[in-house]
Amino acid sequence: MNLQKSGVTIWLTGLSGAGKSTITGALEKKLRALGSKVEVLDGDIVRLNLSKGLTFSKEDRDENIKRIGFVSHLLTRNGVIVIVSAISPYREIRDEVKQRIGDFIEVYVNSPLAVCEERDVKGLYKRARNGEIKNFTGIDDPYEAPLDPDIECRTDKETIEESTEKILEKLAELGYLARATV
């Protein structure tokens, strides 16, 4: 087992299309190869199962993040590396969840809105710009970028491998992984 400390939550936040899910997949694969216990909480999947019925109002978005944070806290305190991939647009609720969990690494997956729109395979940005989707983060609802993230991944300027390595290095630096394994 390569875990040195307790579990940890790695919280990836950023606009839709920034690369959160892609980084999550690469990171999960690397951590599992190192023998770590890993769980992924993807925002879209959580919405279908744990947060079904919630809207995209600010109150419901906050509730969704609180629910993800609650599950992350349970897993983290039981020695699991939790990777959360969720837009989580509001700074205050992210900070609240960070305080609750404690062992928490905030990763800002940063990519300009124009690049995120180019990557939009689901056509969500186009639908939001046409008024078909209301309260869409980055279009008619704000995204509050982290002020001091533990890691910033610039997916418009670096590869997925480079972003993933940044996270693995931070895990080693903070004692969540043995340095020899990274």
N, C-alpha and C. Protein backbone atom coordinates (compact mmCIF):
# COMPACT_ATOMS: atom_id res chain seq x y z
N MET A 1 0.86 -1.19 0.00
CA MET A 1 0.00 0.00 0.00
C MET A 1 0.89 1.23 0.00
N ASN A 2 0.59 2.16 -0.87
CA ASN A 2 1.40 3.36 -1.02
C ASN A 2 0.90 4.54 -0.22
N LEU A 3 -0.20 4.37 0.47
CA LEU A 3 -0.75 5.47 1.26
C LEU A 3 0.09 5.67 2.51
N GLN A 4 0.56 6.88 2.70
CA GLN A 4 1.40 7.18 3.85
C GLN A 4 0.58 7.75 5.01
N LYS A 5 -0.34 8.62 4.72
CA LYS A 5 -1.17 9.26 5.73
C LYS A 5 -2.55 8.62 5.69
N SER A 6 -3.53 9.40 6.11
CA SER A 6 -4.92 8.99 6.00
C SER A 6 -5.36 9.14 4.55
N GLY A 7 -6.66 8.99 4.34
CA GLY A 7 -7.19 9.24 3.02
C GLY A 7 -7.14 10.73 2.71
N VAL A 8 -7.52 11.06 1.50
CA VAL A 8 -7.51 12.45 1.06
C VAL A 8 -8.56 12.62 -0.03
N THR A 9 -9.14 13.80 -0.07
CA THR A 9 -10.04 14.17 -1.16
C THR A 9 -9.30 15.09 -2.10
N ILE A 10 -9.30 14.73 -3.37
CA ILE A 10 -8.74 15.57 -4.42
C ILE A 10 -9.94 16.14 -5.17
N TRP A 11 -10.18 17.42 -5.01
CA TRP A 11 -11.40 18.05 -5.54
C TRP A 11 -11.06 18.85 -6.79
N LEU A 12 -11.49 18.36 -7.95
CA LEU A 12 -11.26 19.05 -9.21
C LEU A 12 -12.46 19.93 -9.52
N THR A 13 -12.22 21.22 -9.65
CA THR A 13 -13.27 22.20 -9.95
C THR A 13 -12.88 22.97 -11.20
N GLY A 14 -13.87 23.35 -11.97
CA GLY A 14 -13.63 24.11 -13.19
C GLY A 14 -14.87 24.08 -14.07
N LEU A 15 -14.83 24.85 -15.13
CA LEU A 15 -15.95 24.93 -16.05
C LEU A 15 -16.21 23.59 -16.73
N SER A 16 -17.42 23.43 -17.24
CA SER A 16 -17.74 22.27 -18.07
C SER A 16 -16.81 22.28 -19.28
N GLY A 17 -16.19 21.16 -19.57
CA GLY A 17 -15.28 21.08 -20.71
C GLY A 17 -13.85 21.47 -20.40
N ALA A 18 -13.55 21.80 -19.15
CA ALA A 18 -12.18 22.22 -18.79
C ALA A 18 -11.21 21.04 -18.77
N GLY A 19 -11.72 19.82 -18.54
CA GLY A 19 -10.85 18.65 -18.50
C GLY A 19 -10.88 17.89 -17.19
N LYS A 20 -11.83 18.19 -16.33
CA LYS A 20 -11.91 17.54 -15.01
C LYS A 20 -12.05 16.02 -15.14
N SER A 21 -12.97 15.57 -15.96
CA SER A 21 -13.22 14.13 -16.09
C SER A 21 -12.04 13.41 -16.73
N THR A 22 -11.40 14.05 -17.69
CA THR A 22 -10.25 13.44 -18.36
C THR A 22 -9.08 13.29 -17.38
N ILE A 23 -8.81 14.32 -16.61
CA ILE A 23 -7.75 14.25 -15.60
C ILE A 23 -8.11 13.21 -14.54
N THR A 24 -9.37 13.19 -14.13
CA THR A 24 -9.83 12.22 -13.13
C THR A 24 -9.56 10.80 -13.60
N GLY A 25 -9.90 10.49 -14.84
CA GLY A 25 -9.69 9.14 -15.37
C GLY A 25 -8.22 8.75 -15.37
N ALA A 26 -7.35 9.67 -15.79
CA ALA A 26 -5.91 9.40 -15.82
C ALA A 26 -5.35 9.24 -14.42
N LEU A 27 -5.80 10.09 -13.51
CA LEU A 27 -5.32 10.04 -12.13
C LEU A 27 -5.78 8.76 -11.43
N GLU A 28 -7.04 8.40 -11.63
CA GLU A 28 -7.56 7.17 -11.04
C GLU A 28 -6.75 5.96 -11.51
N LYS A 29 -6.46 5.90 -12.79
CA LYS A 29 -5.69 4.78 -13.35
C LYS A 29 -4.30 4.69 -12.71
N LYS A 30 -3.63 5.84 -12.59
CA LYS A 30 -2.28 5.86 -11.99
C LYS A 30 -2.32 5.44 -10.52
N LEU A 31 -3.28 5.97 -9.77
CA LEU A 31 -3.36 5.66 -8.34
C LEU A 31 -3.69 4.19 -8.12
N ARG A 32 -4.58 3.64 -8.92
CA ARG A 32 -4.91 2.21 -8.79
C ARG A 32 -3.69 1.34 -9.12
N ALA A 33 -2.92 1.75 -10.13
CA ALA A 33 -1.71 1.02 -10.49
C ALA A 33 -0.69 1.04 -9.34
N LEU A 34 -0.74 2.07 -8.51
CA LEU A 34 0.15 2.16 -7.35
C LEU A 34 -0.39 1.39 -6.14
N GLY A 35 -1.59 0.82 -6.28
CA GLY A 35 -2.17 0.02 -5.21
C GLY A 35 -3.00 0.82 -4.22
N SER A 36 -3.35 2.03 -4.57
CA SER A 36 -4.15 2.87 -3.68
C SER A 36 -5.63 2.52 -3.76
N LYS A 37 -6.32 2.72 -2.63
CA LYS A 37 -7.78 2.60 -2.61
C LYS A 37 -8.33 3.92 -3.13
N VAL A 38 -9.08 3.88 -4.22
CA VAL A 38 -9.55 5.09 -4.88
C VAL A 38 -11.05 4.98 -5.17
N GLU A 39 -11.75 6.07 -4.94
CA GLU A 39 -13.15 6.20 -5.36
C GLU A 39 -13.29 7.51 -6.11
N VAL A 40 -14.08 7.48 -7.18
CA VAL A 40 -14.35 8.67 -7.97
C VAL A 40 -15.80 9.10 -7.75
N LEU A 41 -15.97 10.37 -7.46
CA LEU A 41 -17.31 10.96 -7.36
C LEU A 41 -17.42 12.00 -8.48
N ASP A 42 -18.03 11.60 -9.57
CA ASP A 42 -18.21 12.48 -10.72
C ASP A 42 -19.53 13.24 -10.55
N GLY A 43 -19.47 14.54 -10.75
CA GLY A 43 -20.64 15.39 -10.54
C GLY A 43 -21.87 14.94 -11.30
N ASP A 44 -21.72 14.55 -12.56
CA ASP A 44 -22.86 14.11 -13.36
C ASP A 44 -23.47 12.82 -12.82
N ILE A 45 -22.63 11.88 -12.42
CA ILE A 45 -23.12 10.60 -11.91
C ILE A 45 -23.77 10.77 -10.54
N VAL A 46 -23.17 11.62 -9.70
CA VAL A 46 -23.75 11.89 -8.38
C VAL A 46 -25.14 12.51 -8.54
N ARG A 47 -25.28 13.42 -9.50
CA ARG A 47 -26.58 14.07 -9.72
C ARG A 47 -27.65 13.05 -10.08
N LEU A 48 -27.29 12.02 -10.82
CA LEU A 48 -28.26 10.99 -11.22
C LEU A 48 -28.66 10.09 -10.06
N ASN A 49 -27.78 9.90 -9.11
CA ASN A 49 -28.01 8.92 -8.05
C ASN A 49 -28.25 9.51 -6.67
N LEU A 50 -27.38 10.39 -6.23
CA LEU A 50 -27.45 10.93 -4.88
C LEU A 50 -28.22 12.24 -4.81
N SER A 51 -28.24 12.96 -5.90
CA SER A 51 -28.85 14.30 -5.89
C SER A 51 -29.99 14.42 -6.90
N LYS A 52 -30.60 13.31 -7.22
CA LYS A 52 -31.71 13.31 -8.18
C LYS A 52 -32.80 14.25 -7.68
N GLY A 53 -33.34 15.04 -8.58
CA GLY A 53 -34.41 15.96 -8.20
C GLY A 53 -33.94 17.37 -7.89
N LEU A 54 -32.64 17.53 -7.68
CA LEU A 54 -32.13 18.88 -7.43
C LEU A 54 -32.07 19.64 -8.75
N THR A 55 -32.34 20.93 -8.67
CA THR A 55 -32.28 21.78 -9.86
C THR A 55 -30.88 22.40 -9.95
N PHE A 56 -30.77 23.40 -10.80
CA PHE A 56 -29.50 24.11 -10.93
C PHE A 56 -29.56 25.50 -10.30
N SER A 57 -30.50 25.67 -9.35
CA SER A 57 -30.52 26.91 -8.58
C SER A 57 -29.29 26.95 -7.68
N LYS A 58 -28.94 28.10 -7.19
CA LYS A 58 -27.78 28.20 -6.30
C LYS A 58 -27.96 27.32 -5.07
N GLU A 59 -29.15 27.32 -4.48
CA GLU A 59 -29.41 26.51 -3.28
C GLU A 59 -29.24 25.02 -3.56
N ASP A 60 -29.76 24.56 -4.68
CA ASP A 60 -29.65 23.15 -5.01
C ASP A 60 -28.22 22.77 -5.42
N ARG A 61 -27.53 23.67 -6.08
CA ARG A 61 -26.12 23.40 -6.40
C ARG A 61 -25.30 23.27 -5.12
N ASP A 62 -25.56 24.18 -4.17
CA ASP A 62 -24.87 24.10 -2.88
C ASP A 62 -25.19 22.78 -2.18
N GLU A 63 -26.46 22.38 -2.20
CA GLU A 63 -26.86 21.11 -1.57
C GLU A 63 -26.16 19.93 -2.24
N ASN A 64 -26.06 19.95 -3.55
CA ASN A 64 -25.36 18.89 -4.28
C ASN A 64 -23.91 18.79 -3.82
N ILE A 65 -23.23 19.93 -3.71
CA ILE A 65 -21.82 19.93 -3.29
C ILE A 65 -21.70 19.46 -1.84
N LYS A 66 -22.65 19.85 -0.98
CA LYS A 66 -22.63 19.36 0.40
C LYS A 66 -22.76 17.85 0.45
N ARG A 67 -23.61 17.28 -0.39
CA ARG A 67 -23.79 15.83 -0.42
C ARG A 67 -22.53 15.12 -0.91
N ILE A 68 -21.94 15.67 -1.95
CA ILE A 68 -20.67 15.11 -2.44
C ILE A 68 -19.61 15.21 -1.34
N GLY A 69 -19.57 16.36 -0.67
CA GLY A 69 -18.62 16.57 0.41
C GLY A 69 -18.83 15.60 1.56
N PHE A 70 -20.07 15.30 1.90
CA PHE A 70 -20.38 14.36 2.98
C PHE A 70 -19.84 12.96 2.65
N VAL A 71 -20.12 12.49 1.45
CA VAL A 71 -19.63 11.17 1.04
C VAL A 71 -18.10 11.17 0.98
N SER A 72 -17.52 12.24 0.46
CA SER A 72 -16.05 12.36 0.39
C SER A 72 -15.44 12.28 1.78
N HIS A 73 -16.06 12.97 2.73
CA HIS A 73 -15.56 12.97 4.11
C HIS A 73 -15.57 11.55 4.69
N LEU A 74 -16.66 10.83 4.49
CA LEU A 74 -16.75 9.45 5.00
C LEU A 74 -15.66 8.56 4.41
N LEU A 75 -15.48 8.66 3.11
CA LEU A 75 -14.47 7.83 2.45
C LEU A 75 -13.06 8.24 2.87
N THR A 76 -12.81 9.54 2.91
CA THR A 76 -11.49 10.06 3.27
C THR A 76 -11.08 9.60 4.66
N ARG A 77 -11.98 9.71 5.62
CA ARG A 77 -11.63 9.32 6.99
C ARG A 77 -11.44 7.82 7.13
N ASN A 78 -11.83 7.06 6.10
CA ASN A 78 -11.62 5.63 6.10
C ASN A 78 -10.47 5.21 5.17
N GLY A 79 -9.57 6.15 4.91
CA GLY A 79 -8.33 5.83 4.22
C GLY A 79 -8.40 5.74 2.71
N VAL A 80 -9.46 6.25 2.12
CA VAL A 80 -9.63 6.19 0.67
C VAL A 80 -9.16 7.51 0.05
N ILE A 81 -8.55 7.40 -1.12
CA ILE A 81 -8.26 8.59 -1.92
C ILE A 81 -9.51 8.83 -2.76
N VAL A 82 -10.15 9.96 -2.53
CA VAL A 82 -11.39 10.30 -3.23
C VAL A 82 -11.06 11.36 -4.28
N ILE A 83 -11.47 11.10 -5.50
CA ILE A 83 -11.31 12.09 -6.56
C ILE A 83 -12.70 12.61 -6.90
N VAL A 84 -12.92 13.89 -6.64
CA VAL A 84 -14.19 14.52 -6.96
C VAL A 84 -13.99 15.34 -8.23
N SER A 85 -14.87 15.12 -9.18
CA SER A 85 -14.87 15.88 -10.42
C SER A 85 -16.23 16.55 -10.54
N ALA A 86 -16.29 17.81 -10.14
CA ALA A 86 -17.56 18.54 -10.14
C ALA A 86 -17.31 20.01 -10.41
N ILE A 87 -18.12 20.63 -11.21
CA ILE A 87 -17.95 22.05 -11.52
C ILE A 87 -17.83 22.85 -10.22
N SER A 88 -18.72 22.59 -9.27
CA SER A 88 -18.74 23.28 -7.96
C SER A 88 -18.39 24.76 -8.11
N PRO A 89 -19.33 25.52 -8.67
CA PRO A 89 -19.01 26.89 -9.09
C PRO A 89 -18.85 27.93 -7.99
N TYR A 90 -19.32 27.63 -6.77
CA TYR A 90 -19.32 28.67 -5.75
C TYR A 90 -18.23 28.44 -4.71
N ARG A 91 -17.40 29.44 -4.54
CA ARG A 91 -16.23 29.40 -3.67
C ARG A 91 -16.60 29.10 -2.21
N GLU A 92 -17.63 29.74 -1.70
CA GLU A 92 -17.99 29.61 -0.29
C GLU A 92 -18.31 28.16 0.08
N ILE A 93 -19.07 27.47 -0.75
CA ILE A 93 -19.45 26.09 -0.43
C ILE A 93 -18.25 25.15 -0.61
N ARG A 94 -17.37 25.44 -1.58
CA ARG A 94 -16.14 24.63 -1.71
C ARG A 94 -15.29 24.78 -0.46
N ASP A 95 -15.17 26.02 0.04
CA ASP A 95 -14.37 26.26 1.25
C ASP A 95 -14.99 25.55 2.46
N GLU A 96 -16.31 25.55 2.53
CA GLU A 96 -17.00 24.87 3.63
C GLU A 96 -16.72 23.37 3.61
N VAL A 97 -16.79 22.78 2.43
CA VAL A 97 -16.52 21.34 2.29
C VAL A 97 -15.06 21.04 2.61
N LYS A 98 -14.16 21.91 2.17
CA LYS A 98 -12.74 21.74 2.46
C LYS A 98 -12.49 21.72 3.96
N GLN A 99 -13.12 22.63 4.69
CA GLN A 99 -12.97 22.69 6.15
C GLN A 99 -13.48 21.41 6.80
N ARG A 100 -14.61 20.91 6.31
CA ARG A 100 -15.21 19.71 6.89
C ARG A 100 -14.32 18.48 6.70
N ILE A 101 -13.80 18.33 5.50
CA ILE A 101 -13.03 17.13 5.17
C ILE A 101 -11.63 17.19 5.78
N GLY A 102 -10.98 18.33 5.72
CA GLY A 102 -9.64 18.46 6.29
C GLY A 102 -8.54 18.00 5.36
N ASP A 103 -8.47 16.71 5.10
CA ASP A 103 -7.48 16.18 4.16
C ASP A 103 -8.02 16.41 2.76
N PHE A 104 -7.65 17.54 2.17
CA PHE A 104 -8.33 18.04 0.99
C PHE A 104 -7.33 18.77 0.10
N ILE A 105 -7.33 18.45 -1.17
CA ILE A 105 -6.48 19.14 -2.14
C ILE A 105 -7.40 19.71 -3.21
N GLU A 106 -7.40 21.05 -3.31
CA GLU A 106 -8.23 21.71 -4.31
C GLU A 106 -7.44 21.87 -5.60
N VAL A 107 -8.00 21.35 -6.68
CA VAL A 107 -7.36 21.42 -7.99
C VAL A 107 -8.25 22.26 -8.90
N TYR A 108 -7.73 23.38 -9.32
CA TYR A 108 -8.45 24.24 -10.26
C TYR A 108 -8.08 23.82 -11.67
N VAL A 109 -9.03 23.22 -12.36
CA VAL A 109 -8.83 22.81 -13.75
C VAL A 109 -9.26 24.02 -14.58
N ASN A 110 -8.26 24.75 -15.03
CA ASN A 110 -8.46 26.06 -15.64
C ASN A 110 -8.28 25.98 -17.15
N SER A 111 -9.30 26.40 -17.84
CA SER A 111 -9.25 26.52 -19.29
C SER A 111 -10.18 27.67 -19.68
N PRO A 112 -9.77 28.52 -20.61
CA PRO A 112 -10.63 29.64 -21.00
C PRO A 112 -11.99 29.16 -21.51
N LEU A 113 -13.00 29.97 -21.29
CA LEU A 113 -14.36 29.63 -21.71
C LEU A 113 -14.41 29.27 -23.19
N ALA A 114 -13.71 30.02 -24.03
CA ALA A 114 -13.73 29.75 -25.48
C ALA A 114 -13.22 28.34 -25.78
N VAL A 115 -12.18 27.91 -25.08
CA VAL A 115 -11.63 26.56 -25.28
C VAL A 115 -12.63 25.51 -24.80
N CYS A 116 -13.26 25.77 -23.65
CA CYS A 116 -14.27 24.84 -23.13
C CYS A 116 -15.43 24.70 -24.12
N GLU A 117 -15.82 25.80 -24.73
CA GLU A 117 -16.91 25.76 -25.71
C GLU A 117 -16.49 24.96 -26.95
N GLU A 118 -15.24 25.08 -27.37
CA GLU A 118 -14.74 24.30 -28.51
C GLU A 118 -14.75 22.81 -28.22
N ARG A 119 -14.50 22.43 -26.97
CA ARG A 119 -14.43 21.02 -26.57
C ARG A 119 -15.81 20.41 -26.30
N ASP A 120 -16.85 21.21 -26.32
CA ASP A 120 -18.18 20.81 -25.87
C ASP A 120 -18.85 19.80 -26.79
N VAL A 121 -18.56 18.52 -26.57
CA VAL A 121 -19.12 17.46 -27.42
C VAL A 121 -20.63 17.27 -27.21
N LYS A 122 -21.14 17.65 -26.05
CA LYS A 122 -22.57 17.49 -25.76
C LYS A 122 -23.41 18.66 -26.27
N GLY A 123 -22.77 19.74 -26.71
CA GLY A 123 -23.50 20.90 -27.21
C GLY A 123 -24.19 21.72 -26.13
N LEU A 124 -23.72 21.59 -24.89
CA LEU A 124 -24.37 22.29 -23.77
C LEU A 124 -24.19 23.80 -23.84
N TYR A 125 -22.99 24.25 -24.19
CA TYR A 125 -22.75 25.70 -24.28
C TYR A 125 -23.61 26.32 -25.38
N LYS A 126 -23.71 25.65 -26.51
CA LYS A 126 -24.52 26.15 -27.62
C LYS A 126 -25.98 26.27 -27.17
N ARG A 127 -26.47 25.24 -26.49
CA ARG A 127 -27.85 25.27 -26.00
C ARG A 127 -28.05 26.38 -24.97
N ALA A 128 -27.05 26.58 -24.11
CA ALA A 128 -27.14 27.65 -23.11
C ALA A 128 -27.15 29.02 -23.80
N ARG A 129 -26.31 29.20 -24.78
CA ARG A 129 -26.25 30.48 -25.50
C ARG A 129 -27.54 30.74 -26.28
N ASN A 130 -28.22 29.66 -26.69
CA ASN A 130 -29.50 29.79 -27.40
C ASN A 130 -30.68 29.93 -26.44
N GLY A 131 -30.41 29.92 -25.13
CA GLY A 131 -31.46 30.08 -24.14
C GLY A 131 -32.22 28.80 -23.80
N GLU A 132 -31.74 27.66 -24.31
CA GLU A 132 -32.41 26.37 -24.05
C GLU A 132 -32.08 25.82 -22.67
N ILE A 133 -30.92 26.20 -22.13
CA ILE A 133 -30.50 25.78 -20.78
C ILE A 133 -30.30 27.05 -19.97
N LYS A 134 -30.98 27.12 -18.84
CA LYS A 134 -30.86 28.28 -17.95
C LYS A 134 -29.88 27.97 -16.82
N ASN A 135 -29.29 29.01 -16.23
CA ASN A 135 -28.36 28.89 -15.10
C ASN A 135 -27.15 28.03 -15.46
N PHE A 136 -26.62 28.19 -16.66
CA PHE A 136 -25.47 27.39 -17.08
C PHE A 136 -24.19 28.10 -16.66
N THR A 137 -23.37 27.41 -15.89
CA THR A 137 -22.14 27.98 -15.36
C THR A 137 -21.25 28.50 -16.49
N GLY A 138 -20.84 29.74 -16.34
CA GLY A 138 -19.95 30.37 -17.32
C GLY A 138 -20.70 31.17 -18.38
N ILE A 139 -22.01 30.91 -18.51
CA ILE A 139 -22.81 31.65 -19.49
C ILE A 139 -23.75 32.62 -18.77
N ASP A 140 -24.75 32.09 -18.08
CA ASP A 140 -25.66 32.98 -17.34
C ASP A 140 -25.67 32.70 -15.85
N ASP A 141 -24.69 31.95 -15.39
CA ASP A 141 -24.49 31.71 -13.96
C ASP A 141 -22.98 31.80 -13.72
N PRO A 142 -22.56 32.38 -12.61
CA PRO A 142 -21.12 32.62 -12.41
C PRO A 142 -20.33 31.36 -12.06
N TYR A 143 -19.05 31.41 -12.36
CA TYR A 143 -18.09 30.44 -11.85
C TYR A 143 -17.08 31.25 -11.04
N GLU A 144 -16.97 30.93 -9.75
CA GLU A 144 -16.04 31.63 -8.87
C GLU A 144 -14.77 30.78 -8.76
N ALA A 145 -13.75 31.18 -9.50
CA ALA A 145 -12.49 30.44 -9.51
C ALA A 145 -11.86 30.45 -8.12
N PRO A 146 -11.17 29.38 -7.75
CA PRO A 146 -10.47 29.37 -6.47
C PRO A 146 -9.45 30.51 -6.40
N LEU A 147 -9.35 31.13 -5.22
CA LEU A 147 -8.40 32.22 -5.04
C LEU A 147 -6.99 31.70 -4.81
N ASP A 148 -6.88 30.56 -4.14
CA ASP A 148 -5.57 30.01 -3.82
C ASP A 148 -5.63 28.48 -3.86
N PRO A 149 -5.83 27.90 -5.06
CA PRO A 149 -5.92 26.44 -5.14
C PRO A 149 -4.59 25.79 -4.79
N ASP A 150 -4.66 24.56 -4.35
CA ASP A 150 -3.42 23.81 -4.07
C ASP A 150 -2.67 23.51 -5.36
N ILE A 151 -3.43 23.31 -6.44
CA ILE A 151 -2.86 23.01 -7.75
C ILE A 151 -3.72 23.70 -8.81
N GLU A 152 -3.08 24.24 -9.81
CA GLU A 152 -3.81 24.75 -10.98
C GLU A 152 -3.33 23.99 -12.20
N CYS A 153 -4.26 23.37 -12.89
CA CYS A 153 -3.96 22.67 -14.13
C CYS A 153 -4.49 23.51 -15.28
N ARG A 154 -3.61 23.97 -16.13
CA ARG A 154 -3.99 24.78 -17.30
C ARG A 154 -4.11 23.85 -18.50
N THR A 155 -5.29 23.31 -18.68
CA THR A 155 -5.48 22.28 -19.71
C THR A 155 -5.44 22.83 -21.12
N ASP A 156 -5.43 24.13 -21.27
CA ASP A 156 -5.24 24.72 -22.60
C ASP A 156 -3.75 24.84 -22.94
N LYS A 157 -2.88 24.64 -21.94
CA LYS A 157 -1.44 24.82 -22.13
C LYS A 157 -0.61 23.61 -21.77
N GLU A 158 -1.19 22.63 -21.05
CA GLU A 158 -0.42 21.47 -20.64
C GLU A 158 -1.19 20.20 -20.99
N THR A 159 -0.46 19.10 -21.07
CA THR A 159 -1.08 17.83 -21.41
C THR A 159 -1.78 17.24 -20.19
N ILE A 160 -2.62 16.27 -20.43
CA ILE A 160 -3.29 15.56 -19.34
C ILE A 160 -2.23 14.90 -18.46
N GLU A 161 -1.19 14.36 -19.06
CA GLU A 161 -0.12 13.72 -18.29
C GLU A 161 0.57 14.73 -17.37
N GLU A 162 0.82 15.94 -17.87
CA GLU A 162 1.46 16.97 -17.05
C GLU A 162 0.55 17.36 -15.88
N SER A 163 -0.74 17.51 -16.16
CA SER A 163 -1.69 17.85 -15.10
C SER A 163 -1.75 16.74 -14.05
N THR A 164 -1.80 15.50 -14.51
CA THR A 164 -1.86 14.35 -13.61
C THR A 164 -0.60 14.27 -12.75
N GLU A 165 0.55 14.50 -13.34
CA GLU A 165 1.81 14.46 -12.60
C GLU A 165 1.86 15.54 -11.52
N LYS A 166 1.32 16.73 -11.81
CA LYS A 166 1.26 17.79 -10.79
C LYS A 166 0.52 17.30 -9.55
N ILE A 167 -0.58 16.61 -9.78
CA ILE A 167 -1.40 16.13 -8.66
C ILE A 167 -0.67 15.03 -7.91
N LEU A 168 -0.04 14.12 -8.62
CA LEU A 168 0.72 13.04 -7.96
C LEU A 168 1.87 13.61 -7.14
N GLU A 169 2.56 14.61 -7.68
CA GLU A 169 3.66 15.25 -6.95
C GLU A 169 3.16 15.91 -5.67
N LYS A 170 2.01 16.56 -5.74
CA LYS A 170 1.43 17.21 -4.56
C LYS A 170 1.05 16.16 -3.51
N LEU A 171 0.50 15.04 -3.96
CA LEU A 171 0.16 13.95 -3.04
C LEU A 171 1.41 13.44 -2.32
N ALA A 172 2.50 13.32 -3.05
CA ALA A 172 3.76 12.87 -2.45
C ALA A 172 4.31 13.94 -1.51
N GLU A 173 4.28 15.19 -1.95
CA GLU A 173 4.79 16.30 -1.13
C GLU A 173 4.07 16.38 0.22
N LEU A 174 2.76 16.12 0.21
CA LEU A 174 1.96 16.20 1.42
C LEU A 174 1.93 14.90 2.22
N GLY A 175 2.60 13.86 1.70
CA GLY A 175 2.70 12.60 2.44
C GLY A 175 1.58 11.61 2.21
N TYR A 176 0.76 11.83 1.19
CA TYR A 176 -0.32 10.89 0.90
C TYR A 176 0.15 9.73 0.03
N LEU A 177 1.27 9.91 -0.64
CA LEU A 177 1.91 8.85 -1.42
C LEU A 177 3.39 8.84 -1.09
N ALA A 178 3.97 7.67 -1.13
CA ALA A 178 5.41 7.58 -0.95
C ALA A 178 6.09 8.18 -2.19
N ARG A 179 7.11 8.98 -1.98
CA ARG A 179 7.79 9.65 -3.10
C ARG A 179 8.34 8.68 -4.13
N ALA A 180 8.80 7.53 -3.69
CA ALA A 180 9.41 6.57 -4.60
C ALA A 180 8.39 6.05 -5.62
N THR A 181 7.10 6.15 -5.30
CA THR A 181 6.10 5.60 -6.21
C THR A 181 5.68 6.58 -7.29
N VAL A 182 5.96 7.86 -7.09
CA VAL A 182 5.49 8.87 -8.04
C VAL A 182 6.43 8.99 -9.22
